Amino acid sequence: MVNQPRLSVLLPTLNGEDDLQRLLPALAQQEIEGLVEWLAVDSSSRDGTKDLLEAAGFQVHVIPREEFSHGPTRNLLASRARGEFLLFLTQDALHMGSDCIEQLLKPLQNPSVAAVGARLVPHPSDDPLTARTVLASPESSGLADVRELSPGQAMGDLKPKEAIQLARFHNVACAYRASVLARWPFPDEAFGEDVAWAALVLDAGQSLAHAPLAEVRHAHRYSLVAAIERYRLDAAFLRRNFGLRVRPGPISMLRGLGHEVRGDWVHMREQGGIEWGSMLRSPFLRGAMVLGQFLGTRGWNLPVGGASTRRYS
């Protein structure tokens, strides 16, 4: 097709002015081959988000805030895109190196690969607990891999933990083959649309890749209430979609807390020394995470206020 973009960069936003002041210059420095189109769906931001996006060359489509949903909003972006490949970003991602996007697109040269995830790393300014949370995740792996089911195998044949490990995916900075996403759009999930989609396409015989040379800084420093809600949502999603009971009772909670606090101690030792303020915070933060997992496993809601279940990053 004449003038068809090779790549569409797709960005959902909400009040992202501060984040975009870091992200947009990083995107402008990317060395990308071929035609690129820049599209955003903004959930009626009240700051300068829309002006910043348009100044950077994005076409911005505004929706009412209450219409935002992770799967459907990303499907809306995909439906407006014309590129062969679709790059979904979150507004608080930060690309490292001018070839980050091209490194992310490389595995899509294999026609069996449906989507590729970037390597997530913390910011240098992140506190030790936040940094360790990122570095301990599979998304921070420095090893390239391509994941797929064995011939004749289905997701339902796997044990829950095996299925989750295979379907681990993220929408922080990920490149999709447009033709695959058109055939299998994102499920309408309030949380975990990326992992639910990954399980769907793996079951359909597609492959997923991880590109460690495409490094993107991304981390969240959670308050205690936010940590409870974030991990409650995660555990509820895993129970509902994979049948995994992450923290079924007090014993597993204690084991989880001990594992996480020990992990923080080891991480700080390996990084050159214990930061005692962070170490004192560790049992409270990790306790909030474990409590959230327990609540989500049991199908209970957050008992300490109405933290939002919506996240734009």
Protein backbone atom coordinates (compact mmCIF):
# COMPACT_ATOMS: atom_id res chain seq x y z
CA MET A 1 0.00 0.00 0.00
CA VAL A 2 1.36 3.41 -1.00
CA ASN A 3 2.48 5.50 1.96
CA GLN A 4 1.48 2.83 4.47
CA PRO A 5 3.44 3.41 7.67
CA ARG A 6 5.82 0.67 8.69
CA LEU A 7 5.13 1.50 12.33
CA SER A 8 2.30 3.05 14.32
CA VAL A 9 3.25 4.36 17.78
CA LEU A 10 0.17 4.14 20.03
CA LEU A 11 -0.18 5.85 23.39
CA PRO A 12 -3.11 5.98 25.85
CA THR A 13 -2.81 9.00 28.17
CA LEU A 14 -4.35 10.69 31.18
CA ASN A 15 -2.91 13.82 32.79
CA GLY A 16 0.52 12.78 31.57
CA GLU A 17 2.18 16.18 31.22
CA ASP A 18 5.07 15.41 33.59
CA ASP A 19 5.69 11.95 32.12
CA LEU A 20 5.49 13.19 28.54
CA GLN A 21 8.14 15.81 29.15
CA ARG A 22 10.53 12.86 29.55
CA LEU A 23 8.99 10.42 27.07
CA LEU A 24 8.50 12.67 24.04
CA PRO A 25 12.16 13.82 23.79
CA ALA A 26 13.25 10.17 24.10
CA LEU A 27 10.90 9.21 21.26
CA ALA A 28 12.19 12.10 19.13
CA GLN A 29 15.71 10.69 19.45
CA GLN A 30 14.72 7.24 18.17
CA GLU A 31 16.23 6.22 14.83
CA ILE A 32 13.33 4.40 13.17
CA GLU A 33 13.32 3.01 9.63
CA GLY A 34 10.44 3.74 7.29
CA LEU A 35 7.29 5.77 7.75
CA VAL A 36 5.95 6.23 11.30
CA GLU A 37 2.56 7.47 12.45
CA TRP A 38 1.93 8.73 15.97
CA LEU A 39 -1.48 8.20 17.55
CA ALA A 40 -2.80 8.83 21.06
CA VAL A 41 -6.12 8.32 22.83
CA ASP A 42 -6.43 10.75 25.71
CA SER A 43 -8.97 10.26 28.50
CA SER A 44 -9.94 13.95 28.80
CA SER A 45 -6.77 15.15 30.51
CA ARG A 46 -7.00 18.38 32.49
CA ASP A 47 -3.37 19.39 32.06
CA GLY A 48 -1.23 20.08 29.01
CA THR A 49 -1.13 16.47 27.79
CA LYS A 50 -3.03 17.05 24.54
CA ASP A 51 -0.99 20.14 23.58
CA LEU A 52 2.30 18.32 24.21
CA LEU A 53 1.23 15.34 22.13
CA GLU A 54 0.08 17.44 19.19
CA ALA A 55 3.26 19.51 19.29
CA ALA A 56 5.23 16.26 19.05
CA GLY A 57 3.29 15.15 15.97
CA PHE A 58 0.69 12.86 17.53
CA GLN A 59 -2.87 12.69 16.25
CA VAL A 60 -4.92 12.82 19.45
CA HIS A 61 -8.38 11.30 19.85
CA VAL A 62 -10.11 12.36 23.08
CA ILE A 63 -12.56 10.11 24.91
CA PRO A 64 -14.54 10.68 28.13
CA ARG A 65 -12.56 9.48 31.11
CA GLU A 66 -15.25 7.01 32.15
CA GLU A 67 -14.96 5.25 28.78
CA PHE A 68 -11.34 4.23 29.37
CA SER A 69 -10.68 0.52 29.69
CA HIS A 70 -7.34 -1.16 29.06
CA GLY A 71 -8.36 -3.67 26.42
CA PRO A 72 -11.05 -1.68 24.53
CA THR A 73 -9.06 1.58 24.54
CA ARG A 74 -6.03 -0.17 23.07
CA ASN A 75 -8.29 -1.84 20.51
CA LEU A 76 -9.56 1.64 19.60
CA LEU A 77 -6.00 2.80 19.05
CA ALA A 78 -5.23 -0.27 16.93
CA SER A 79 -8.34 0.31 14.80
CA ARG A 80 -7.14 3.83 13.95
CA ALA A 81 -3.61 2.70 13.07
CA ARG A 82 -2.34 1.91 9.57
CA GLY A 83 1.10 0.52 10.36
CA GLU A 84 2.35 -2.99 9.69
CA PHE A 85 3.61 -3.04 13.28
CA LEU A 86 1.95 -1.44 16.29
CA LEU A 87 4.04 -0.13 19.18
CA PHE A 88 2.04 0.34 22.38
CA LEU A 89 3.56 2.51 25.08
CA THR A 90 2.55 3.77 28.49
CA GLN A 91 3.04 7.45 29.20
CA ASP A 92 5.61 6.84 31.95
CA ALA A 93 7.90 4.61 29.88
CA LEU A 94 11.35 5.98 29.05
CA HIS A 95 13.37 4.51 26.17
CA MET A 96 17.13 4.05 26.49
CA GLY A 97 19.32 4.41 23.41
CA SER A 98 18.41 5.73 19.98
CA ASP A 99 17.92 2.19 18.59
CA CYS A 100 15.54 0.96 21.30
CA ILE A 101 12.47 0.77 19.04
CA GLU A 102 14.37 -0.89 16.20
CA GLN A 103 15.72 -3.47 18.64
CA LEU A 104 12.15 -4.09 19.76
CA LEU A 105 11.00 -4.65 16.18
CA LYS A 106 13.78 -7.08 15.21
CA PRO A 107 12.14 -10.29 16.49
CA LEU A 108 9.08 -9.51 14.32
CA GLN A 109 11.21 -10.46 11.33
CA ASN A 110 10.25 -14.00 12.35
CA PRO A 111 6.72 -14.38 10.93
CA SER A 112 5.66 -16.69 13.77
CA VAL A 113 6.25 -13.96 16.39
CA ALA A 114 3.05 -12.10 17.21
CA ALA A 115 4.45 -9.55 19.66
CA VAL A 116 7.66 -8.49 21.39
CA GLY A 117 8.17 -7.04 24.86
CA ALA A 118 10.93 -4.64 25.83
CA ARG A 119 13.25 -5.19 28.77
CA LEU A 120 12.07 -3.16 31.78
CA VAL A 121 14.65 -1.65 34.13
CA PRO A 122 14.35 0.83 37.03
CA HIS A 123 15.36 4.47 37.00
CA PRO A 124 18.70 5.32 38.65
CA SER A 125 16.77 7.45 41.17
CA ASP A 126 14.41 4.65 42.25
CA ASP A 127 14.63 3.57 45.87
CA PRO A 128 16.00 0.05 46.51
CA LEU A 129 12.59 -1.56 47.08
CA THR A 130 11.14 -0.14 43.87
CA ALA A 131 14.27 -1.09 41.92
CA ARG A 132 14.27 -4.64 43.25
CA THR A 133 10.59 -5.10 42.37
CA VAL A 134 11.44 -4.31 38.74
CA LEU A 135 14.68 -6.28 38.59
CA ALA A 136 13.09 -9.40 40.12
CA SER A 137 10.46 -9.58 37.39
CA PRO A 138 10.80 -11.73 34.22
CA GLU A 139 10.33 -8.55 32.18
CA SER A 140 13.77 -7.40 33.39
CA SER A 141 15.59 -10.44 32.01
CA GLY A 142 18.73 -9.78 30.00
CA LEU A 143 18.23 -12.95 27.94
CA ALA A 144 16.42 -13.02 24.61
CA ASP A 145 13.72 -15.64 24.26
CA VAL A 146 10.83 -16.73 22.08
CA ARG A 147 7.98 -18.49 23.88
CA GLU A 148 5.45 -20.82 22.30
CA LEU A 149 3.50 -23.96 23.04
CA SER A 150 4.81 -27.33 21.91
CA PRO A 151 3.14 -28.84 18.84
CA GLY A 152 -0.27 -30.22 19.77
CA GLN A 153 -0.18 -28.55 23.20
CA ALA A 154 -2.84 -26.14 24.52
CA MET A 155 -2.70 -23.61 27.35
CA GLY A 156 -5.23 -25.72 29.21
CA ASP A 157 -2.75 -28.62 29.26
CA LEU A 158 -0.32 -26.63 31.42
CA LYS A 159 -0.29 -26.29 35.18
CA PRO A 160 -1.32 -22.78 36.30
CA LYS A 161 2.21 -21.61 37.13
CA GLU A 162 3.53 -22.95 33.83
CA ALA A 163 0.77 -21.21 31.88
CA ILE A 164 1.40 -17.91 33.67
CA GLN A 165 5.15 -18.11 33.09
CA LEU A 166 4.56 -18.70 29.38
CA ALA A 167 2.00 -15.90 29.04
CA ARG A 168 3.85 -13.22 31.06
CA PHE A 169 3.65 -10.09 28.92
CA HIS A 170 3.30 -6.34 29.34
CA ASN A 171 2.05 -3.29 27.47
CA VAL A 172 4.61 -0.83 28.84
CA ALA A 173 6.60 -0.94 25.59
CA CYS A 174 5.60 -3.74 23.25
CA ALA A 175 5.50 -4.18 19.47
CA TYR A 176 2.65 -6.16 17.89
CA ARG A 177 2.10 -7.48 14.40
CA ALA A 178 -0.98 -5.53 13.26
CA SER A 179 -2.46 -8.47 11.37
CA VAL A 180 -2.38 -10.63 14.51
CA LEU A 181 -3.96 -7.98 16.69
CA ALA A 182 -6.69 -7.45 14.11
CA ARG A 183 -7.53 -11.16 14.28
CA TRP A 184 -7.20 -11.46 18.06
CA PRO A 185 -7.99 -8.09 19.70
CA PHE A 186 -7.35 -7.42 23.38
CA PRO A 187 -9.92 -9.00 25.72
CA ASP A 188 -12.12 -6.64 27.71
CA GLU A 189 -10.25 -6.97 30.99
CA ALA A 190 -10.19 -4.36 33.76
CA PHE A 191 -6.68 -5.57 34.57
CA GLY A 192 -4.23 -7.91 32.85
CA GLU A 193 -5.41 -7.44 29.27
CA ASP A 194 -1.82 -7.94 28.07
CA VAL A 195 -1.42 -11.34 29.75
CA ALA A 196 -4.93 -12.47 28.78
CA TRP A 197 -4.14 -11.57 25.16
CA ALA A 198 -0.82 -13.40 25.32
CA ALA A 199 -2.54 -16.57 26.53
CA LEU A 200 -5.09 -16.25 23.72
CA VAL A 201 -2.55 -15.98 20.90
CA LEU A 202 -0.27 -18.65 22.36
CA ASP A 203 -3.25 -21.00 22.34
CA ALA A 204 -3.75 -20.08 18.68
CA GLY A 205 -0.21 -21.20 17.81
CA GLN A 206 1.53 -17.82 17.86
CA SER A 207 4.84 -16.98 19.54
CA LEU A 208 5.90 -14.18 21.90
CA ALA A 209 9.38 -12.68 22.15
CA HIS A 210 11.43 -10.73 24.67
CA ALA A 211 13.99 -8.21 23.35
CA PRO A 212 16.61 -7.49 26.05
CA LEU A 213 18.47 -4.93 23.91
CA ALA A 214 15.33 -2.77 23.86
CA GLU A 215 15.68 -1.30 27.36
CA VAL A 216 12.93 0.87 28.81
CA ARG A 217 12.94 2.48 32.24
CA HIS A 218 9.67 1.93 34.06
CA ALA A 219 8.84 1.55 37.75
CA HIS A 220 6.18 2.45 40.31
CA ARG A 221 6.78 3.44 43.92
CA TYR A 222 3.62 2.23 45.63
CA SER A 223 2.05 3.55 48.79
CA LEU A 224 0.85 0.83 51.15
CA VAL A 225 -2.77 1.19 50.06
CA ALA A 226 -1.79 1.25 46.39
CA ALA A 227 0.36 -1.86 46.88
CA ILE A 228 -2.56 -3.74 48.46
CA GLU A 229 -4.85 -2.84 45.58
CA ARG A 230 -2.30 -3.48 42.83
CA TYR A 231 -1.47 -6.96 44.09
CA ARG A 232 -5.09 -7.73 44.91
CA LEU A 233 -5.98 -7.07 41.29
CA ASP A 234 -3.10 -9.20 40.09
CA ALA A 235 -4.00 -12.17 42.29
CA ALA A 236 -7.68 -11.91 41.39
CA PHE A 237 -6.77 -11.91 37.70
CA LEU A 238 -4.55 -14.98 38.08
CA ARG A 239 -7.24 -16.86 40.02
CA ARG A 240 -9.94 -15.97 37.53
CA ASN A 241 -7.96 -16.58 34.33
CA PHE A 242 -5.49 -19.31 35.28
CA GLY A 243 -6.92 -20.92 38.41
CA LEU A 244 -3.86 -20.00 40.48
CA ARG A 245 -4.31 -19.29 44.19
CA VAL A 246 -1.33 -17.06 44.90
CA ARG A 247 -1.77 -16.64 48.68
CA PRO A 248 -4.47 -19.02 49.90
CA GLY A 249 -3.84 -18.65 53.64
CA PRO A 250 -1.74 -17.29 56.53
CA ILE A 251 1.14 -19.73 56.09
CA SER A 252 1.68 -18.78 52.45
CA MET A 253 1.43 -15.12 53.46
CA LEU A 254 4.16 -15.51 56.06
CA ARG A 255 6.35 -17.38 53.60
CA GLY A 256 5.79 -14.70 50.99
CA LEU A 257 6.59 -11.91 53.41
CA GLY A 258 9.77 -13.63 54.56
CA HIS A 259 10.87 -14.28 50.99
CA GLU A 260 10.33 -10.67 49.94
CA VAL A 261 12.03 -9.06 52.96
CA ARG A 262 15.00 -11.40 52.59
CA GLY A 263 15.12 -10.51 48.91
CA ASP A 264 15.27 -6.80 49.76
CA TRP A 265 18.12 -7.41 52.20
CA VAL A 266 20.12 -9.44 49.67
CA HIS A 267 19.49 -6.91 46.92
CA MET A 268 20.77 -4.02 49.01
CA ARG A 269 23.82 -5.99 50.12
CA GLU A 270 24.62 -6.78 46.49
CA GLN A 271 24.20 -3.11 45.54
CA GLY A 272 26.80 -1.99 48.04
CA GLY A 273 25.13 -1.67 51.41
CA ILE A 274 21.93 -1.58 53.42
CA GLU A 275 19.82 1.56 53.15
CA TRP A 276 18.16 1.41 56.55
CA GLY A 277 15.24 3.66 55.70
CA SER A 278 14.26 1.32 52.88
CA MET A 279 14.96 -1.75 54.99
CA LEU A 280 12.63 -0.48 57.72
CA ARG A 281 9.96 0.15 55.08
CA SER A 282 10.42 -3.30 53.55
CA PRO A 283 8.19 -5.39 55.87
CA PHE A 284 5.38 -2.83 55.60
CA LEU A 285 5.50 -2.59 51.79
CA ARG A 286 5.96 -6.32 51.25
CA GLY A 287 3.30 -7.02 53.86
CA ALA A 288 0.88 -4.81 51.92
CA MET A 289 1.72 -6.69 48.73
CA VAL A 290 1.18 -10.07 50.35
CA LEU A 291 -2.08 -8.89 51.94
CA GLY A 292 -3.27 -7.74 48.53
CA GLN A 293 -2.43 -11.15 47.06
CA PHE A 294 -4.39 -12.84 49.85
CA LEU A 295 -7.43 -10.63 49.28
CA GLY A 296 -7.30 -11.22 45.54
CA THR A 297 -6.93 -14.96 45.99
CA ARG A 298 -10.00 -14.99 48.21
CA GLY A 299 -11.98 -12.73 45.88
CA TRP A 300 -12.27 -9.97 48.49
CA ASN A 301 -12.12 -6.23 47.92
CA LEU A 302 -9.81 -3.67 49.46
CA PRO A 303 -10.90 -2.99 53.06
CA VAL A 304 -9.19 0.39 53.44
CA GLY A 305 -10.79 2.85 51.05
CA GLY A 306 -11.59 3.11 47.39
CA ALA A 307 -8.29 2.92 45.55
CA SER A 308 -8.82 3.12 41.82
CA THR A 309 -8.53 -0.03 39.78
CA ARG A 310 -7.56 1.98 36.71
CA ARG A 311 -3.96 2.37 35.72
CA TYR A 312 -2.62 4.17 32.69
CA SER A 313 0.90 2.88 33.10
